[in-house]
Amino acid sequence: MRKTKKLSQEKLARLADVANNTIIKIESGKNDNPTLDTLNKIAKAFGISIDDLVK
């Protein structure tokens, strides 16, 4: 979704108010269990629900 919206990992991290390293770890699979708070922030940055984010 990030690439479709043409966002860098750094830009998404800023929009979601999470660490850039958090985005990198989620995308690379090193963090396969992010917190609900983190998922909520990322979903809000995309303007979607958490349900839509994790589909």
PDB file of N, CA and C in Angstrom:
ATOM      1  N   MET A   1       0.824  -1.184   0.000  1.00  0.00           N
ATOM      2  CA  MET A   1       0.000   0.000   0.000  1.00  0.00           C
ATOM      3  C   MET A   1       0.876   1.259   0.000  1.00  0.00           C
ATOM      4  N   ARG A   2       1.976   1.211   0.748  1.00  0.00           N
ATOM      5  CA  ARG A   2       2.867   2.367   0.820  1.00  0.00           C
ATOM      6  C   ARG A   2       3.404   2.711  -0.564  1.00  0.00           C
ATOM      7  N   LYS A   3       3.815   1.698  -1.304  1.00  0.00           N
ATOM      8  CA  LYS A   3       4.374   1.931  -2.633  1.00  0.00           C
ATOM      9  C   LYS A   3       3.304   2.415  -3.602  1.00  0.00           C
ATOM     10  N   THR A   4       2.095   1.892  -3.480  1.00  0.00           N
ATOM     11  CA  THR A   4       0.985   2.328  -4.333  1.00  0.00           C
ATOM     12  C   THR A   4       0.713   3.812  -4.131  1.00  0.00           C
ATOM     13  N   LYS A   5       0.822   4.250  -2.878  1.00  0.00           N
ATOM     14  CA  LYS A   5       0.589   5.668  -2.559  1.00  0.00           C
ATOM     15  C   LYS A   5       1.840   6.514  -2.778  1.00  0.00           C
ATOM     16  N   LYS A   6       2.906   5.866  -3.257  1.00  0.00           N
ATOM     17  CA  LYS A   6       4.170   6.547  -3.566  1.00  0.00           C
ATOM     18  C   LYS A   6       4.757   7.278  -2.352  1.00  0.00           C
ATOM     19  N   LEU A   7       4.747   6.553  -1.220  1.00  0.00           N
ATOM     20  CA  LEU A   7       5.323   7.092   0.004  1.00  0.00           C
ATOM     21  C   LEU A   7       6.616   6.346   0.315  1.00  0.00           C
ATOM     22  N   SER A   8       7.606   7.071   0.755  1.00  0.00           N
ATOM     23  CA  SER A   8       8.821   6.417   1.239  1.00  0.00           C
ATOM     24  C   SER A   8       8.530   5.867   2.633  1.00  0.00           C
ATOM     25  N   GLN A   9       9.377   4.982   3.089  1.00  0.00           N
ATOM     26  CA  GLN A   9       9.211   4.460   4.445  1.00  0.00           C
ATOM     27  C   GLN A   9       9.323   5.596   5.454  1.00  0.00           C
ATOM     28  N   GLU A  10      10.238   6.505   5.202  1.00  0.00           N
ATOM     29  CA  GLU A  10      10.442   7.636   6.105  1.00  0.00           C
ATOM     30  C   GLU A  10       9.202   8.528   6.152  1.00  0.00           C
ATOM     31  N   LYS A  11       8.611   8.804   5.003  1.00  0.00           N
ATOM     32  CA  LYS A  11       7.417   9.654   4.946  1.00  0.00           C
ATOM     33  C   LYS A  11       6.251   8.986   5.671  1.00  0.00           C
ATOM     34  N   LEU A  12       6.046   7.693   5.462  1.00  0.00           N
ATOM     35  CA  LEU A  12       4.984   6.978   6.158  1.00  0.00           C
ATOM     36  C   LEU A  12       5.218   7.016   7.666  1.00  0.00           C
ATOM     37  N   ALA A  13       6.440   6.811   8.071  1.00  0.00           N
ATOM     38  CA  ALA A  13       6.759   6.852   9.501  1.00  0.00           C
ATOM     39  C   ALA A  13       6.399   8.204  10.101  1.00  0.00           C
ATOM     40  N   ARG A  14       6.712   9.278   9.385  1.00  0.00           N
ATOM     41  CA  ARG A  14       6.367  10.621   9.879  1.00  0.00           C
ATOM     42  C   ARG A  14       4.861  10.817   9.933  1.00  0.00           C
ATOM     43  N   LEU A  15       4.161  10.393   8.878  1.00  0.00           N
ATOM     44  CA  LEU A  15       2.702  10.552   8.849  1.00  0.00           C
ATOM     45  C   LEU A  15       2.026   9.742   9.954  1.00  0.00           C
ATOM     46  N   ALA A  16       2.585   8.578  10.249  1.00  0.00           N
ATOM     47  CA  ALA A  16       2.000   7.694  11.260  1.00  0.00           C
ATOM     48  C   ALA A  16       2.532   7.983  12.665  1.00  0.00           C
ATOM     49  N   ASP A  17       3.530   8.846  12.756  1.00  0.00           N
ATOM     50  CA  ASP A  17       4.161   9.167  14.037  1.00  0.00           C
ATOM     51  C   ASP A  17       4.725   7.917  14.713  1.00  0.00           C
ATOM     52  N   VAL A  18       5.443   7.132  13.919  1.00  0.00           N
ATOM     53  CA  VAL A  18       6.162   5.968  14.443  1.00  0.00           C
ATOM     54  C   VAL A  18       7.602   6.066  13.944  1.00  0.00           C
ATOM     55  N   ALA A  19       8.478   5.290  14.547  1.00  0.00           N
ATOM     56  CA  ALA A  19       9.883   5.293  14.130  1.00  0.00           C
ATOM     57  C   ALA A  19      10.029   4.690  12.736  1.00  0.00           C
ATOM     58  N   ASN A  20      10.909   5.265  11.949  1.00  0.00           N
ATOM     59  CA  ASN A  20      11.180   4.729  10.615  1.00  0.00           C
ATOM     60  C   ASN A  20      11.593   3.260  10.714  1.00  0.00           C
ATOM     61  N   ASN A  21      12.353   2.938  11.735  1.00  0.00           N
ATOM     62  CA  ASN A  21      12.798   1.557  11.942  1.00  0.00           C
ATOM     63  C   ASN A  21      11.602   0.617  12.140  1.00  0.00           C
ATOM     64  N   THR A  22      10.533   1.115  12.726  1.00  0.00           N
ATOM     65  CA  THR A  22       9.325   0.305  12.920  1.00  0.00           C
ATOM     66  C   THR A  22       8.735  -0.092  11.578  1.00  0.00           C
ATOM     67  N   ILE A  23       8.642   0.855  10.655  1.00  0.00           N
ATOM     68  CA  ILE A  23       8.114   0.573   9.312  1.00  0.00           C
ATOM     69  C   ILE A  23       9.014  -0.429   8.601  1.00  0.00           C
ATOM     70  N   ILE A  24      10.310  -0.221   8.688  1.00  0.00           N
ATOM     71  CA  ILE A  24      11.270  -1.119   8.040  1.00  0.00           C
ATOM     72  C   ILE A  24      11.113  -2.543   8.573  1.00  0.00           C
ATOM     73  N   LYS A  25      11.013  -2.692   9.884  1.00  0.00           N
ATOM     74  CA  LYS A  25      10.897  -4.024  10.483  1.00  0.00           C
ATOM     75  C   LYS A  25       9.581  -4.698  10.107  1.00  0.00           C
ATOM     76  N   ILE A  26       8.491  -3.953  10.071  1.00  0.00           N
ATOM     77  CA  ILE A  26       7.197  -4.541   9.697  1.00  0.00           C
ATOM     78  C   ILE A  26       7.250  -5.017   8.257  1.00  0.00           C
ATOM     79  N   GLU A  27       7.746  -4.174   7.368  1.00  0.00           N
ATOM     80  CA  GLU A  27       7.785  -4.534   5.949  1.00  0.00           C
ATOM     81  C   GLU A  27       8.732  -5.695   5.661  1.00  0.00           C
ATOM     82  N   SER A  28       9.811  -5.785   6.409  1.00  0.00           N
ATOM     83  CA  SER A  28      10.785  -6.855   6.164  1.00  0.00           C
ATOM     84  C   SER A  28      10.406  -8.160   6.853  1.00  0.00           C
ATOM     85  N   GLY A  29       9.381  -8.116   7.696  1.00  0.00           N
ATOM     86  CA  GLY A  29       8.963  -9.317   8.407  1.00  0.00           C
ATOM     87  C   GLY A  29       9.693  -9.556   9.715  1.00  0.00           C
ATOM     88  N   LYS A  30      10.578  -8.637  10.090  1.00  0.00           N
ATOM     89  CA  LYS A  30      11.301  -8.795  11.352  1.00  0.00           C
ATOM     90  C   LYS A  30      10.402  -8.489  12.547  1.00  0.00           C
ATOM     91  N   ASN A  31       9.333  -7.734  12.308  1.00  0.00           N
ATOM     92  CA  ASN A  31       8.321  -7.491  13.333  1.00  0.00           C
ATOM     93  C   ASN A  31       6.992  -7.945  12.751  1.00  0.00           C
ATOM     94  N   ASP A  32       6.660  -9.194  13.009  1.00  0.00           N
ATOM     95  CA  ASP A  32       5.427  -9.735  12.448  1.00  0.00           C
ATOM     96  C   ASP A  32       4.250  -9.625  13.404  1.00  0.00           C
ATOM     97  N   ASN A  33       4.444  -8.909  14.508  1.00  0.00           N
ATOM     98  CA  ASN A  33       3.383  -8.738  15.491  1.00  0.00           C
ATOM     99  C   ASN A  33       3.401  -7.315  16.059  1.00  0.00           C
ATOM    100  N   PRO A  34       3.167  -6.301  15.194  1.00  0.00           N
ATOM    101  CA  PRO A  34       3.174  -4.917  15.692  1.00  0.00           C
ATOM    102  C   PRO A  34       2.015  -4.681  16.659  1.00  0.00           C
ATOM    103  N   THR A  35       2.167  -3.714  17.521  1.00  0.00           N
ATOM    104  CA  THR A  35       1.121  -3.409  18.498  1.00  0.00           C
ATOM    105  C   THR A  35      -0.107  -2.826  17.801  1.00  0.00           C
ATOM    106  N   LEU A  36      -1.236  -2.917  18.478  1.00  0.00           N
ATOM    107  CA  LEU A  36      -2.467  -2.322  17.938  1.00  0.00           C
ATOM    108  C   LEU A  36      -2.315  -0.813  17.777  1.00  0.00           C
ATOM    109  N   ASP A  37      -1.588  -0.185  18.688  1.00  0.00           N
ATOM    110  CA  ASP A  37      -1.357   1.250  18.595  1.00  0.00           C
ATOM    111  C   ASP A  37      -0.601   1.587  17.313  1.00  0.00           C
ATOM    112  N   THR A  38       0.432   0.816  17.008  1.00  0.00           N
ATOM    113  CA  THR A  38       1.210   1.041  15.792  1.00  0.00           C
ATOM    114  C   THR A  38       0.347   0.818  14.549  1.00  0.00           C
ATOM    115  N   LEU A  39      -0.415  -0.272  14.539  1.00  0.00           N
ATOM    116  CA  LEU A  39      -1.297  -0.539  13.397  1.00  0.00           C
ATOM    117  C   LEU A  39      -2.326   0.567  13.222  1.00  0.00           C
ATOM    118  N   ASN A  40      -2.861   1.052  14.326  1.00  0.00           N
ATOM    119  CA  ASN A  40      -3.844   2.135  14.268  1.00  0.00           C
ATOM    120  C   ASN A  40      -3.231   3.397  13.672  1.00  0.00           C
ATOM    121  N   LYS A  41      -2.025   3.722  14.073  1.00  0.00           N
ATOM    122  CA  LYS A  41      -1.348   4.913  13.554  1.00  0.00           C
ATOM    123  C   LYS A  41      -1.078   4.788  12.049  1.00  0.00           C
ATOM    124  N   ILE A  42      -0.641   3.613  11.630  1.00  0.00           N
ATOM    125  CA  ILE A  42      -0.356   3.395  10.211  1.00  0.00           C
ATOM    126  C   ILE A  42      -1.651   3.451   9.405  1.00  0.00           C
ATOM    127  N   ALA A  43      -2.699   2.818   9.916  1.00  0.00           N
ATOM    128  CA  ALA A  43      -3.992   2.846   9.227  1.00  0.00           C
ATOM    129  C   ALA A  43      -4.499   4.278   9.094  1.00  0.00           C
ATOM    130  N   LYS A  44      -4.386   5.056  10.159  1.00  0.00           N
ATOM    131  CA  LYS A  44      -4.824   6.463  10.109  1.00  0.00           C
ATOM    132  C   LYS A  44      -4.021   7.242   9.074  1.00  0.00           C
ATOM    133  N   ALA A  45      -2.734   6.959   8.978  1.00  0.00           N
ATOM    134  CA  ALA A  45      -1.888   7.650   8.001  1.00  0.00           C
ATOM    135  C   ALA A  45      -2.363   7.373   6.575  1.00  0.00           C
ATOM    136  N   PHE A  46      -2.886   6.173   6.358  1.00  0.00           N
ATOM    137  CA  PHE A  46      -3.418   5.808   5.046  1.00  0.00           C
ATOM    138  C   PHE A  46      -4.878   6.209   4.876  1.00  0.00           C
ATOM    139  N   GLY A  47      -5.526   6.592   5.978  1.00  0.00           N
ATOM    140  CA  GLY A  47      -6.933   6.961   5.919  1.00  0.00           C
ATOM    141  C   GLY A  47      -7.859   5.750   5.776  1.00  0.00           C
ATOM    142  N   ILE A  48      -7.442   4.629   6.376  1.00  0.00           N
ATOM    143  CA  ILE A  48      -8.224   3.386   6.306  1.00  0.00           C
ATOM    144  C   ILE A  48      -8.361   2.792   7.698  1.00  0.00           C
ATOM    145  N   SER A  49      -9.166   1.750   7.828  1.00  0.00           N
ATOM    146  CA  SER A  49      -9.321   1.059   9.097  1.00  0.00           C
ATOM    147  C   SER A  49      -8.199   0.032   9.270  1.00  0.00           C
ATOM    148  N   ILE A  50      -8.020  -0.407  10.503  1.00  0.00           N
ATOM    149  CA  ILE A  50      -7.038  -1.463  10.758  1.00  0.00           C
ATOM    150  C   ILE A  50      -7.428  -2.717   9.987  1.00  0.00           C
ATOM    151  N   ASP A  51      -8.721  -3.021   9.939  1.00  0.00           N
ATOM    152  CA  ASP A  51      -9.184  -4.193   9.190  1.00  0.00           C
ATOM    153  C   ASP A  51      -8.715  -4.148   7.739  1.00  0.00           C
ATOM    154  N   ASP A  52      -8.860  -2.977   7.116  1.00  0.00           N
ATOM    155  CA  ASP A  52      -8.423  -2.850   5.725  1.00  0.00           C
ATOM    156  C   ASP A  52      -6.908  -2.944   5.594  1.00  0.00           C
ATOM    157  N   LEU A  53      -6.211  -2.485   6.622  1.00  0.00           N
ATOM    158  CA  LEU A  53      -4.744  -2.516   6.603  1.00  0.00           C
ATOM    159  C   LEU A  53      -4.216  -3.946   6.608  1.00  0.00           C
ATOM    160  N   VAL A  54      -4.830  -4.804   7.404  1.00  0.00           N
ATOM    161  CA  VAL A  54      -4.292  -6.147   7.576  1.00  0.00           C
ATOM    162  C   VAL A  54      -4.870  -7.177   6.610  1.00  0.00           C
ATOM    163  N   LYS A  55      -5.684  -6.767   5.688  1.00  0.00           N
ATOM    164  CA  LYS A  55      -6.244  -7.693   4.690  1.00  0.00           C
ATOM    165  C   LYS A  55      -5.186  -8.141   3.725  1.00  0.00           C
TER     166      LYS A  55
END
